[in-house]
Amino acid sequence: MARLAGALVLLMVSAVAAAQDAYVKQAMSLTAREYDKTLPAQPVTTWLREHLPTRYEVVWGDRITDCGEASGTAADAERDLPMCAEIELREGGTMRGYLALFIGTAKRRRAEG
């Protein structure tokens, strides 16, 4: 029985991770213009590479976050929390910068206008 419970937990965690990965993949597939109307309509991954020093590695987070806005209290359940794709800018093994790209809210998946 313990093995079955462990397998069910593993399956549930895997399903959640796959769903989160899909959101990150969607965030990576957007154009720079979809994040900011003043930017060109080119893939955001390309735009980042063209505008960051070449020595920086762009490391996308493995899941979407709440942009640091959740309070951890029951009040969060009532809020339409923001959703961000997070990116670390690394040079060698050292983090040199951090970006949080707003992609929408829990109720509105993609940023509007």
PDB file of N, CA and C in Angstrom:
ATOM      1  N   MET A   1       0.827  -1.198   0.000  1.00  0.00           N
ATOM      2  CA  MET A   1       0.000   0.000   0.000  1.00  0.00           C
ATOM      3  C   MET A   1       0.875   1.268   0.000  1.00  0.00           C
ATOM      4  N   ALA A   2       1.954   1.237   0.771  1.00  0.00           N
ATOM      5  CA  ALA A   2       2.844   2.398   0.826  1.00  0.00           C
ATOM      6  C   ALA A   2       3.442   2.680  -0.547  1.00  0.00           C
ATOM      7  N   ARG A   3       3.788   1.615  -1.299  1.00  0.00           N
ATOM      8  CA  ARG A   3       4.333   1.808  -2.640  1.00  0.00           C
ATOM      9  C   ARG A   3       3.318   2.465  -3.553  1.00  0.00           C
ATOM     10  N   LEU A   4       2.066   2.036  -3.446  1.00  0.00           N
ATOM     11  CA  LEU A   4       1.010   2.611  -4.279  1.00  0.00           C
ATOM     12  C   LEU A   4       0.829   4.090  -3.948  1.00  0.00           C
ATOM     13  N   ALA A   5       0.819   4.422  -2.660  1.00  0.00           N
ATOM     14  CA  ALA A   5       0.662   5.824  -2.258  1.00  0.00           C
ATOM     15  C   ALA A   5       1.837   6.650  -2.774  1.00  0.00           C
ATOM     16  N   GLY A   6       3.034   6.090  -2.668  1.00  0.00           N
ATOM     17  CA  GLY A   6       4.208   6.794  -3.170  1.00  0.00           C
ATOM     18  C   GLY A   6       4.134   7.011  -4.669  1.00  0.00           C
ATOM     19  N   ALA A   7       3.648   6.001  -5.402  1.00  0.00           N
ATOM     20  CA  ALA A   7       3.512   6.119  -6.850  1.00  0.00           C
ATOM     21  C   ALA A   7       2.476   7.169  -7.209  1.00  0.00           C
ATOM     22  N   LEU A   8       1.380   7.223  -6.462  1.00  0.00           N
ATOM     23  CA  LEU A   8       0.348   8.229  -6.723  1.00  0.00           C
ATOM     24  C   LEU A   8       0.875   9.635  -6.484  1.00  0.00           C
ATOM     25  N   VAL A   9       1.643   9.810  -5.411  1.00  0.00           N
ATOM     26  CA  VAL A   9       2.229  11.117  -5.135  1.00  0.00           C
ATOM     27  C   VAL A   9       3.185  11.503  -6.255  1.00  0.00           C
ATOM     28  N   LEU A  10       4.011  10.553  -6.700  1.00  0.00           N
ATOM     29  CA  LEU A  10       4.940  10.818  -7.785  1.00  0.00           C
ATOM     30  C   LEU A  10       4.195  11.216  -9.051  1.00  0.00           C
ATOM     31  N   LEU A  11       3.114  10.513  -9.372  1.00  0.00           N
ATOM     32  CA  LEU A  11       2.326  10.851 -10.553  1.00  0.00           C
ATOM     33  C   LEU A  11       1.710  12.234 -10.429  1.00  0.00           C
ATOM     34  N   MET A  12       1.211  12.570  -9.243  1.00  0.00           N
ATOM     35  CA  MET A  12       0.604  13.878  -9.047  1.00  0.00           C
ATOM     36  C   MET A  12       1.651  14.971  -9.181  1.00  0.00           C
ATOM     37  N   VAL A  13       2.826  14.780  -8.592  1.00  0.00           N
ATOM     38  CA  VAL A  13       3.890  15.775  -8.682  1.00  0.00           C
ATOM     39  C   VAL A  13       4.339  15.919 -10.127  1.00  0.00           C
ATOM     40  N   SER A  14       4.460  14.798 -10.849  1.00  0.00           N
ATOM     41  CA  SER A  14       4.880  14.849 -12.246  1.00  0.00           C
ATOM     42  C   SER A  14       3.870  15.611 -13.089  1.00  0.00           C
ATOM     43  N   ALA A  15       2.588  15.414 -12.845  1.00  0.00           N
ATOM     44  CA  ALA A  15       1.550  16.115 -13.598  1.00  0.00           C
ATOM     45  C   ALA A  15       1.622  17.608 -13.335  1.00  0.00           C
ATOM     46  N   VAL A  16       1.837  17.999 -12.079  1.00  0.00           N
ATOM     47  CA  VAL A  16       1.951  19.417 -11.743  1.00  0.00           C
ATOM     48  C   VAL A  16       3.185  20.003 -12.408  1.00  0.00           C
ATOM     49  N   ALA A  17       4.317  19.302 -12.341  1.00  0.00           N
ATOM     50  CA  ALA A  17       5.542  19.800 -12.961  1.00  0.00           C
ATOM     51  C   ALA A  17       5.366  19.955 -14.456  1.00  0.00           C
ATOM     52  N   ALA A  18       4.684  19.009 -15.106  1.00  0.00           N
ATOM     53  CA  ALA A  18       4.461  19.101 -16.552  1.00  0.00           C
ATOM     54  C   ALA A  18       3.603  20.314 -16.880  1.00  0.00           C
ATOM     55  N   ALA A  19       2.581  20.568 -16.066  1.00  0.00           N
ATOM     56  CA  ALA A  19       1.717  21.733 -16.301  1.00  0.00           C
ATOM     57  C   ALA A  19       2.521  23.015 -16.129  1.00  0.00           C
ATOM     58  N   GLN A  20       3.356  23.066 -15.100  1.00  0.00           N
ATOM     59  CA  GLN A  20       4.160  24.258 -14.877  1.00  0.00           C
ATOM     60  C   GLN A  20       5.150  24.448 -16.014  1.00  0.00           C
ATOM     61  N   ASP A  21       5.743  23.371 -16.476  1.00  0.00           N
ATOM     62  CA  ASP A  21       6.671  23.459 -17.595  1.00  0.00           C
ATOM     63  C   ASP A  21       5.975  24.014 -18.833  1.00  0.00           C
ATOM     64  N   ALA A  22       4.721  23.649 -19.028  1.00  0.00           N
ATOM     65  CA  ALA A  22       3.978  24.142 -20.190  1.00  0.00           C
ATOM     66  C   ALA A  22       3.814  25.661 -20.115  1.00  0.00           C
ATOM     67  N   TYR A  23       3.590  26.208 -18.929  1.00  0.00           N
ATOM     68  CA  TYR A  23       3.469  27.655 -18.781  1.00  0.00           C
ATOM     69  C   TYR A  23       4.792  28.351 -19.096  1.00  0.00           C
ATOM     70  N   VAL A  24       5.895  27.767 -18.636  1.00  0.00           N
ATOM     71  CA  VAL A  24       7.208  28.350 -18.926  1.00  0.00           C
ATOM     72  C   VAL A  24       7.470  28.292 -20.425  1.00  0.00           C
ATOM     73  N   LYS A  25       7.159  27.169 -21.041  1.00  0.00           N
ATOM     74  CA  LYS A  25       7.355  27.050 -22.488  1.00  0.00           C
ATOM     75  C   LYS A  25       6.519  28.086 -23.230  1.00  0.00           C
ATOM     76  N   GLN A  26       5.292  28.309 -22.758  1.00  0.00           N
ATOM     77  CA  GLN A  26       4.456  29.335 -23.388  1.00  0.00           C
ATOM     78  C   GLN A  26       5.090  30.714 -23.211  1.00  0.00           C
ATOM     79  N   ALA A  27       5.588  31.001 -22.016  1.00  0.00           N
ATOM     80  CA  ALA A  27       6.231  32.296 -21.761  1.00  0.00           C
ATOM     81  C   ALA A  27       7.439  32.486 -22.667  1.00  0.00           C
ATOM     82  N   MET A  28       8.195  31.417 -22.899  1.00  0.00           N
ATOM     83  CA  MET A  28       9.367  31.483 -23.757  1.00  0.00           C
ATOM     84  C   MET A  28       8.984  31.649 -25.230  1.00  0.00           C
ATOM     85  N   SER A  29       7.782  31.225 -25.587  1.00  0.00           N
ATOM     86  CA  SER A  29       7.352  31.299 -26.991  1.00  0.00           C
ATOM     87  C   SER A  29       6.773  32.656 -27.376  1.00  0.00           C
ATOM     88  N   LEU A  30       6.541  33.525 -26.395  1.00  0.00           N
ATOM     89  CA  LEU A  30       5.968  34.840 -26.685  1.00  0.00           C
ATOM     90  C   LEU A  30       6.998  35.736 -27.359  1.00  0.00           C
ATOM     91  N   THR A  31       6.511  36.740 -28.033  1.00  0.00           N
ATOM     92  CA  THR A  31       7.406  37.725 -28.629  1.00  0.00           C
ATOM     93  C   THR A  31       7.733  38.799 -27.592  1.00  0.00           C
ATOM     94  N   ALA A  32       8.805  39.516 -27.836  1.00  0.00           N
ATOM     95  CA  ALA A  32       9.169  40.621 -26.946  1.00  0.00           C
ATOM     96  C   ALA A  32       8.033  41.638 -26.893  1.00  0.00           C
ATOM     97  N   ARG A  33       7.360  41.862 -28.025  1.00  0.00           N
ATOM     98  CA  ARG A  33       6.264  42.829 -28.075  1.00  0.00           C
ATOM     99  C   ARG A  33       5.092  42.413 -27.172  1.00  0.00           C
ATOM    100  N   GLU A  34       4.899  41.121 -26.993  1.00  0.00           N
ATOM    101  CA  GLU A  34       3.805  40.672 -26.124  1.00  0.00           C
ATOM    102  C   GLU A  34       4.091  40.985 -24.654  1.00  0.00           C
ATOM    103  N   TYR A  35       5.343  41.226 -24.323  1.00  0.00           N
ATOM    104  CA  TYR A  35       5.706  41.670 -22.973  1.00  0.00           C
ATOM    105  C   TYR A  35       5.698  43.191 -22.870  1.00  0.00           C
ATOM    106  N   ASP A  36       6.039  43.855 -23.951  1.00  0.00           N
ATOM    107  CA  ASP A  36       6.137  45.318 -23.959  1.00  0.00           C
ATOM    108  C   ASP A  36       5.863  45.805 -25.383  1.00  0.00           C
ATOM    109  N   LYS A  37       4.819  46.593 -25.557  1.00  0.00           N
ATOM    110  CA  LYS A  37       4.403  47.056 -26.893  1.00  0.00           C
ATOM    111  C   LYS A  37       5.480  47.840 -27.635  1.00  0.00           C
ATOM    112  N   THR A  38       6.442  48.369 -26.922  1.00  0.00           N
ATOM    113  CA  THR A  38       7.479  49.166 -27.579  1.00  0.00           C
ATOM    114  C   THR A  38       8.607  48.311 -28.160  1.00  0.00           C
ATOM    115  N   LEU A  39       8.586  47.019 -27.878  1.00  0.00           N
ATOM    116  CA  LEU A  39       9.646  46.122 -28.357  1.00  0.00           C
ATOM    117  C   LEU A  39       9.242  45.472 -29.676  1.00  0.00           C
ATOM    118  N   PRO A  40      10.211  44.939 -30.402  1.00  0.00           N
ATOM    119  CA  PRO A  40       9.910  44.315 -31.700  1.00  0.00           C
ATOM    120  C   PRO A  40       9.163  42.990 -31.546  1.00  0.00           C
ATOM    121  N   ALA A  41       8.495  42.597 -32.609  1.00  0.00           N
ATOM    122  CA  ALA A  41       7.735  41.339 -32.621  1.00  0.00           C
ATOM    123  C   ALA A  41       8.669  40.191 -33.006  1.00  0.00           C
ATOM    124  N   GLN A  42       9.660  39.960 -32.179  1.00  0.00           N
ATOM    125  CA  GLN A  42      10.586  38.848 -32.390  1.00  0.00           C
ATOM    126  C   GLN A  42      10.539  37.987 -31.128  1.00  0.00           C
ATOM    127  N   PRO A  43      10.917  36.726 -31.227  1.00  0.00           N
ATOM    128  CA  PRO A  43      10.872  35.873 -30.029  1.00  0.00           C
ATOM    129  C   PRO A  43      11.612  36.520 -28.861  1.00  0.00           C
ATOM    130  N   VAL A  44      11.030  36.446 -27.684  1.00  0.00           N
ATOM    131  CA  VAL A  44      11.652  37.069 -26.515  1.00  0.00           C
ATOM    132  C   VAL A  44      13.019  36.455 -26.246  1.00  0.00           C
ATOM    133  N   THR A  45      13.181  35.174 -26.537  1.00  0.00           N
ATOM    134  CA  THR A  45      14.480  34.536 -26.329  1.00  0.00           C
ATOM    135  C   THR A  45      15.539  35.176 -27.221  1.00  0.00           C
ATOM    136  N   THR A  46      15.181  35.469 -28.454  1.00  0.00           N
ATOM    137  CA  THR A  46      16.104  36.136 -29.386  1.00  0.00           C
ATOM    138  C   THR A  46      16.390  37.552 -28.909  1.00  0.00           C
ATOM    139  N   TRP A  47      15.361  38.278 -28.521  1.00  0.00           N
ATOM    140  CA  TRP A  47      15.526  39.652 -28.061  1.00  0.00           C
ATOM    141  C   TRP A  47      16.469  39.712 -26.862  1.00  0.00           C
ATOM    142  N   LEU A  48      16.287  38.792 -25.912  1.00  0.00           N
ATOM    143  CA  LEU A  48      17.161  38.772 -24.745  1.00  0.00           C
ATOM    144  C   LEU A  48      18.612  38.531 -25.155  1.00  0.00           C
ATOM    145  N   ARG A  49      18.833  37.566 -26.039  1.00  0.00           N
ATOM    146  CA  ARG A  49      20.201  37.249 -26.484  1.00  0.00           C
ATOM    147  C   ARG A  49      20.846  38.454 -27.167  1.00  0.00           C
ATOM    148  N   GLU A  50      20.054  39.192 -27.932  1.00  0.00           N
ATOM    149  CA  GLU A  50      20.585  40.348 -28.660  1.00  0.00           C
ATOM    150  C   GLU A  50      20.863  41.553 -27.762  1.00  0.00           C
ATOM    151  N   HIS A  51      20.236  41.609 -26.596  1.00  0.00           N
ATOM    152  CA  HIS A  51      20.351  42.793 -25.750  1.00  0.00           C
ATOM    153  C   HIS A  51      21.100  42.566 -24.437  1.00  0.00           C
ATOM    154  N   LEU A  52      21.540  41.367 -24.206  1.00  0.00           N
ATOM    155  CA  LEU A  52      22.329  41.080 -23.002  1.00  0.00           C
ATOM    156  C   LEU A  52      23.772  40.812 -23.403  1.00  0.00           C
ATOM    157  N   PRO A  53      24.699  41.091 -22.510  1.00  0.00           N
ATOM    158  CA  PRO A  53      26.088  40.765 -22.823  1.00  0.00           C
ATOM    159  C   PRO A  53      26.223  39.275 -23.163  1.00  0.00           C
ATOM    160  N   THR A  54      27.037  38.963 -24.156  1.00  0.00           N
ATOM    161  CA  THR A  54      27.173  37.575 -24.606  1.00  0.00           C
ATOM    162  C   THR A  54      27.741  36.665 -23.530  1.00  0.00           C
ATOM    163  N   ARG A  55      28.415  37.219 -22.550  1.00  0.00           N
ATOM    164  CA  ARG A  55      28.981  36.386 -21.491  1.00  0.00           C
ATOM    165  C   ARG A  55      27.926  35.872 -20.518  1.00  0.00           C
ATOM    166  N   TYR A  56      26.704  36.425 -20.587  1.00  0.00           N
ATOM    167  CA  TYR A  56      25.635  36.004 -19.688  1.00  0.00           C
ATOM    168  C   TYR A  56      24.862  34.835 -20.268  1.00  0.00           C
ATOM    169  N   GLU A  57      24.616  33.864 -19.426  1.00  0.00           N
ATOM    170  CA  GLU A  57      23.755  32.745 -19.775  1.00  0.00           C
ATOM    171  C   GLU A  57      22.350  33.082 -19.285  1.00  0.00           C
ATOM    172  N   VAL A  58      21.357  32.879 -20.128  1.00  0.00           N
ATOM    173  CA  VAL A  58      19.963  33.129 -19.760  1.00  0.00           C
ATOM    174  C   VAL A  58      19.376  31.797 -19.297  1.00  0.00           C
ATOM    175  N   VAL A  59      19.002  31.714 -18.011  1.00  0.00           N
ATOM    176  CA  VAL A  59      18.480  30.476 -17.428  1.00  0.00           C
ATOM    177  C   VAL A  59      17.037  30.707 -16.995  1.00  0.00           C
ATOM    178  N   TRP A  60      16.109  30.115 -17.743  1.00  0.00           N
ATOM    179  CA  TRP A  60      14.689  30.233 -17.419  1.00  0.00           C
ATOM    180  C   TRP A  60      14.369  29.341 -16.227  1.00  0.00           C
ATOM    181  N   GLY A  61      13.529  29.847 -15.324  1.00  0.00           N
ATOM    182  CA  GLY A  61      13.073  29.046 -14.191  1.00  0.00           C
ATOM    183  C   GLY A  61      12.241  27.869 -14.678  1.00  0.00           C
ATOM    184  N   ASP A  62      12.097  26.863 -13.850  1.00  0.00           N
ATOM    185  CA  ASP A  62      11.369  25.672 -14.265  1.00  0.00           C
ATOM    186  C   ASP A  62       9.875  25.752 -13.999  1.00  0.00           C
ATOM    187  N   ARG A  63       9.440  26.882 -13.418  1.00  0.00           N
ATOM    188  CA  ARG A  63       8.007  27.041 -13.159  1.00  0.00           C
ATOM    189  C   ARG A  63       7.648  28.517 -13.124  1.00  0.00           C
ATOM    190  N   ILE A  64       6.364  28.774 -13.263  1.00  0.00           N
ATOM    191  CA  ILE A  64       5.831  30.131 -13.165  1.00  0.00           C
ATOM    192  C   ILE A  64       5.658  30.467 -11.689  1.00  0.00           C
ATOM    193  N   THR A  65       5.937  31.711 -11.324  1.00  0.00           N
ATOM    194  CA  THR A  65       5.812  32.126  -9.929  1.00  0.00           C
ATOM    195  C   THR A  65       4.728  33.201  -9.782  1.00  0.00           C
ATOM    196  N   ASP A  66       4.515  33.618  -8.545  1.00  0.00           N
ATOM    197  CA  ASP A  66       3.541  34.675  -8.255  1.00  0.00           C
ATOM    198  C   ASP A  66       4.206  36.045  -8.235  1.00  0.00           C
ATOM    199  N   CYS A  67       5.367  36.155  -8.818  1.00  0.00           N
ATOM    200  CA  CYS A  67       6.116  37.420  -8.908  1.00  0.00           C
ATOM    201  C   CYS A  67       6.471  37.973  -7.524  1.00  0.00           C
ATOM    202  N   GLY A  68       6.462  37.115  -6.508  1.00  0.00           N
ATOM    203  CA  GLY A  68       6.777  37.555  -5.152  1.00  0.00           C
ATOM    204  C   GLY A  68       5.635  38.269  -4.456  1.00  0.00           C
ATOM    205  N   GLU A  69       4.436  38.170  -5.010  1.00  0.00           N
ATOM    206  CA  GLU A  69       3.295  38.927  -4.467  1.00  0.00           C
ATOM    207  C   GLU A  69       2.461  38.178  -3.437  1.00  0.00           C
ATOM    208  N   ALA A  70       2.544  36.861  -3.387  1.00  0.00           N
ATOM    209  CA  ALA A  70       1.711  36.111  -2.435  1.00  0.00           C
ATOM    210  C   ALA A  70       2.153  36.400  -1.009  1.00  0.00           C
ATOM    211  N   SER A  71       1.180  36.492  -0.122  1.00  0.00           N
ATOM    212  CA  SER A  71       1.479  36.778   1.273  1.00  0.00           C
ATOM    213  C   SER A  71       1.604  35.504   2.097  1.00  0.00           C
ATOM    214  N   GLY A  72       1.127  34.385   1.546  1.00  0.00           N
ATOM    215  CA  GLY A  72       1.155  33.128   2.287  1.00  0.00           C
ATOM    216  C   GLY A  72       0.004  32.989   3.256  1.00  0.00           C
ATOM    217  N   THR A  73      -0.967  33.894   3.159  1.00  0.00           N
ATOM    218  CA  THR A  73      -2.134  33.829   4.041  1.00  0.00           C
ATOM    219  C   THR A  73      -3.366  33.413   3.249  1.00  0.00           C
ATOM    220  N   ALA A  74      -4.441  33.175   3.963  1.00  0.00           N
ATOM    221  CA  ALA A  74      -5.703  32.779   3.326  1.00  0.00           C
ATOM    222  C   ALA A  74      -6.218  33.863   2.379  1.00  0.00           C
ATOM    223  N   ALA A  75      -5.804  35.090   2.572  1.00  0.00           N
ATOM    224  CA  ALA A  75      -6.249  36.195   1.707  1.00  0.00           C
ATOM    225  C   ALA A  75      -5.816  35.982   0.264  1.00  0.00           C
ATOM    226  N   ASP A  76      -4.747  35.224   0.049  1.00  0.00           N
ATOM    227  CA  ASP A  76      -4.264  34.968  -1.314  1.00  0.00           C
ATOM    228  C   ASP A  76      -5.303  34.245  -2.163  1.00  0.00           C
ATOM    229  N   ALA A  77      -6.138  33.431  -1.541  1.00  0.00           N
ATOM    230  CA  ALA A  77      -7.144  32.672  -2.281  1.00  0.00           C
ATOM    231  C   ALA A  77      -8.147  33.597  -2.963  1.00  0.00           C
ATOM    232  N   GLU A  78      -8.335  34.790  -2.417  1.00  0.00           N
ATOM    233  CA  GLU A  78      -9.287  35.759  -2.965  1.00  0.00           C
ATOM    234  C   GLU A  78      -8.663  36.675  -4.009  1.00  0.00           C
ATOM    235  N   ARG A  79      -7.344  36.682  -4.081  1.00  0.00           N
ATOM    236  CA  ARG A  79      -6.645  37.614  -4.970  1.00  0.00           C
ATOM    237  C   ARG A  79      -6.416  36.997  -6.342  1.00  0.00           C
ATOM    238  N   ASP A  80      -6.333  37.827  -7.346  1.00  0.00           N
ATOM    239  CA  ASP A  80      -5.950  37.407  -8.690  1.00  0.00           C
ATOM    240  C   ASP A  80      -4.446  37.646  -8.796  1.00  0.00           C
ATOM    241  N   LEU A  81      -3.675  36.680  -8.318  1.00  0.00           N
ATOM    242  CA  LEU A  81      -2.229  36.845  -8.211  1.00  0.00           C
ATOM    243  C   LEU A  81      -1.561  36.925  -9.575  1.00  0.00           C
ATOM    244  N   PRO A  82      -0.516  37.733  -9.677  1.00  0.00           N
ATOM    245  CA  PRO A  82       0.226  37.821 -10.931  1.00  0.00           C
ATOM    246  C   PRO A  82       1.009  36.534 -11.192  1.00  0.00           C
ATOM    247  N   MET A  83       1.348  36.325 -12.446  1.00  0.00           N
ATOM    248  CA  MET A  83       2.151  35.175 -12.848  1.00  0.00           C
ATOM    249  C   MET A  83       3.378  35.692 -13.593  1.00  0.00           C
ATOM    250  N   CYS A  84       4.556  35.215 -13.194  1.00  0.00           N
ATOM    251  CA  CYS A  84       5.801  35.644 -13.824  1.00  0.00           C
ATOM    252  C   CYS A  84       6.645  34.447 -14.248  1.00  0.00           C
ATOM    253  N   ALA A  85       7.305  34.612 -15.368  1.00  0.00           N
ATOM    254  CA  ALA A  85       8.364  33.698 -15.767  1.00  0.00           C
ATOM    255  C   ALA A  85       9.644  34.323 -15.233  1.00  0.00           C
ATOM    256  N   GLU A  86      10.434  33.530 -14.528  1.00  0.00           N
ATOM    257  CA  GLU A  86      11.644  34.075 -13.925  1.00  0.00           C
ATOM    258  C   GLU A  86      12.878  33.611 -14.681  1.00  0.00           C
ATOM    259  N   ILE A  87      13.817  34.531 -14.816  1.00  0.00           N
ATOM    260  CA  ILE A  87      15.049  34.278 -15.560  1.00  0.00           C
ATOM    261  C   ILE A  87      16.231  34.722 -14.707  1.00  0.00           C
ATOM    262  N   GLU A  88      17.216  33.850 -14.609  1.00  0.00           N
ATOM    263  CA  GLU A  88      18.470  34.224 -13.970  1.00  0.00           C
ATOM    264  C   GLU A  88      19.483  34.526 -15.067  1.00  0.00           C
ATOM    265  N   LEU A  89      20.262  35.543 -14.858  1.00  0.00           N
ATOM    266  CA  LEU A  89      21.354  35.884 -15.759  1.00  0.00           C
ATOM    267  C   LEU A  89      22.633  35.451 -15.061  1.00  0.00           C
ATOM    268  N   ARG A  90      23.303  34.464 -15.633  1.00  0.00           N
ATOM    269  CA  ARG A  90      24.479  33.865 -14.996  1.00  0.00           C
ATOM    270  C   ARG A  90      25.738  34.108 -15.812  1.00  0.00           C
ATOM    271  N   GLU A  91      26.808  34.275 -15.090  1.00  0.00           N
ATOM    272  CA  GLU A  91      28.125  34.367 -15.693  1.00  0.00           C
ATOM    273  C   GLU A  91      28.982  33.334 -14.969  1.00  0.00           C
ATOM    274  N   GLY A  92      29.323  32.265 -15.697  1.00  0.00           N
ATOM    275  CA  GLY A  92      29.975  31.146 -15.030  1.00  0.00           C
ATOM    276  C   GLY A  92      28.990  30.551 -14.046  1.00  0.00           C
ATOM    277  N   GLY A  93      29.394  30.353 -12.821  1.00  0.00           N
ATOM    278  CA  GLY A  93      28.491  29.824 -11.812  1.00  0.00           C
ATOM    279  C   GLY A  93      27.851  30.891 -10.948  1.00  0.00           C
ATOM    280  N   THR A  94      28.017  32.150 -11.325  1.00  0.00           N
ATOM    281  CA  THR A  94      27.539  33.262 -10.500  1.00  0.00           C
ATOM    282  C   THR A  94      26.327  33.937 -11.117  1.00  0.00           C
ATOM    283  N   MET A  95      25.296  34.135 -10.301  1.00  0.00           N
ATOM    284  CA  MET A  95      24.136  34.875 -10.778  1.00  0.00           C
ATOM    285  C   MET A  95      24.489  36.358 -10.791  1.00  0.00           C
ATOM    286  N   ARG A  96      24.294  36.997 -11.953  1.00  0.00           N
ATOM    287  CA  ARG A  96      24.608  38.414 -12.118  1.00  0.00           C
ATOM    288  C   ARG A  96      23.372  39.292 -12.199  1.00  0.00           C
ATOM    289  N   GLY A  97      22.229  38.672 -12.469  1.00  0.00           N
ATOM    290  CA  GLY A  97      20.996  39.442 -12.584  1.00  0.00           C
ATOM    291  C   GLY A  97      19.794  38.524 -12.558  1.00  0.00           C
ATOM    292  N   TYR A  98      18.630  39.148 -12.488  1.00  0.00           N
ATOM    293  CA  TYR A  98      17.391  38.397 -12.348  1.00  0.00           C
ATOM    294  C   TYR A  98      16.286  39.182 -13.048  1.00  0.00           C
ATOM    295  N   LEU A  99      15.480  38.506 -13.841  1.00  0.00           N
ATOM    296  CA  LEU A  99      14.334  39.126 -14.499  1.00  0.00           C
ATOM    297  C   LEU A  99      13.064  38.383 -14.112  1.00  0.00           C
ATOM    298  N   ALA A 100      11.992  39.110 -13.920  1.00  0.00           N
ATOM    299  CA  ALA A 100      10.669  38.524 -13.711  1.00  0.00           C
ATOM    300  C   ALA A 100       9.776  39.090 -14.815  1.00  0.00           C
ATOM    301  N   LEU A 101       9.407  38.250 -15.760  1.00  0.00           N
ATOM    302  CA  LEU A 101       8.582  38.693 -16.882  1.00  0.00           C
ATOM    303  C   LEU A 101       7.116  38.417 -16.564  1.00  0.00           C
ATOM    304  N   PHE A 102       6.344  39.469 -16.446  1.00  0.00           N
ATOM    305  CA  PHE A 102       4.918  39.347 -16.140  1.00  0.00           C
ATOM    306  C   PHE A 102       4.189  38.761 -17.347  1.00  0.00           C
ATOM    307  N   ILE A 103       3.459  37.669 -17.136  1.00  0.00           N
ATOM    308  CA  ILE A 103       2.731  37.052 -18.247  1.00  0.00           C
ATOM    309  C   ILE A 103       1.222  37.102 -18.076  1.00  0.00           C
ATOM    310  N   GLY A 104       0.759  37.583 -16.956  1.00  0.00           N
ATOM    311  CA  GLY A 104      -0.678  37.665 -16.730  1.00  0.00           C
ATOM    312  C   GLY A 104      -0.981  37.449 -15.265  1.00  0.00           C
ATOM    313  N   THR A 105      -2.200  37.050 -15.009  1.00  0.00           N
ATOM    314  CA  THR A 105      -2.600  36.739 -13.641  1.00  0.00           C
ATOM    315  C   THR A 105      -3.221  35.344 -13.639  1.00  0.00           C
ATOM    316  N   ALA A 106      -3.522  34.861 -12.476  1.00  0.00           N
ATOM    317  CA  ALA A 106      -4.111  33.528 -12.367  1.00  0.00           C
ATOM    318  C   ALA A 106      -5.427  33.441 -13.146  1.00  0.00           C
ATOM    319  N   LYS A 107      -6.175  34.540 -13.208  1.00  0.00           N
ATOM    320  CA  LYS A 107      -7.461  34.546 -13.933  1.00  0.00           C
ATOM    321  C   LYS A 107      -7.307  34.967 -15.391  1.00  0.00           C
ATOM    322  N   ARG A 108      -6.336  35.833 -15.665  1.00  0.00           N
ATOM    323  CA  ARG A 108      -6.062  36.283 -17.036  1.00  0.00           C
ATOM    324  C   ARG A 108      -4.667  35.806 -17.383  1.00  0.00           C
ATOM    325  N   ARG A 109      -4.577  34.749 -18.160  1.00  0.00           N
ATOM    326  CA  ARG A 109      -3.313  34.062 -18.399  1.00  0.00           C
ATOM    327  C   ARG A 109      -2.223  34.893 -19.042  1.00  0.00           C
ATOM    328  N   ARG A 110      -2.575  35.781 -19.916  1.00  0.00           N
ATOM    329  CA  ARG A 110      -1.553  36.560 -20.619  1.00  0.00           C
ATOM    330  C   ARG A 110      -1.793  38.040 -20.375  1.00  0.00           C
ATOM    331  N   ALA A 111      -0.704  38.770 -20.245  1.00  0.00           N
ATOM    332  CA  ALA A 111      -0.831  40.209 -20.031  1.00  0.00           C
ATOM    333  C   ALA A 111      -1.603  40.834 -21.184  1.00  0.00           C
ATOM    334  N   GLU A 112      -2.494  41.734 -20.856  1.00  0.00           N
ATOM    335  CA  GLU A 112      -3.286  42.404 -21.883  1.00  0.00           C
ATOM    336  C   GLU A 112      -2.800  43.831 -22.059  1.00  0.00           C
ATOM    337  N   GLY A 113      -2.662  44.223 -23.324  1.00  0.00           N
ATOM    338  CA  GLY A 113      -2.327  45.601 -23.666  1.00  0.00           C
ATOM    339  C   GLY A 113      -1.199  46.111 -22.932  1.00  0.00           C
TER     340      GLY A 113
END
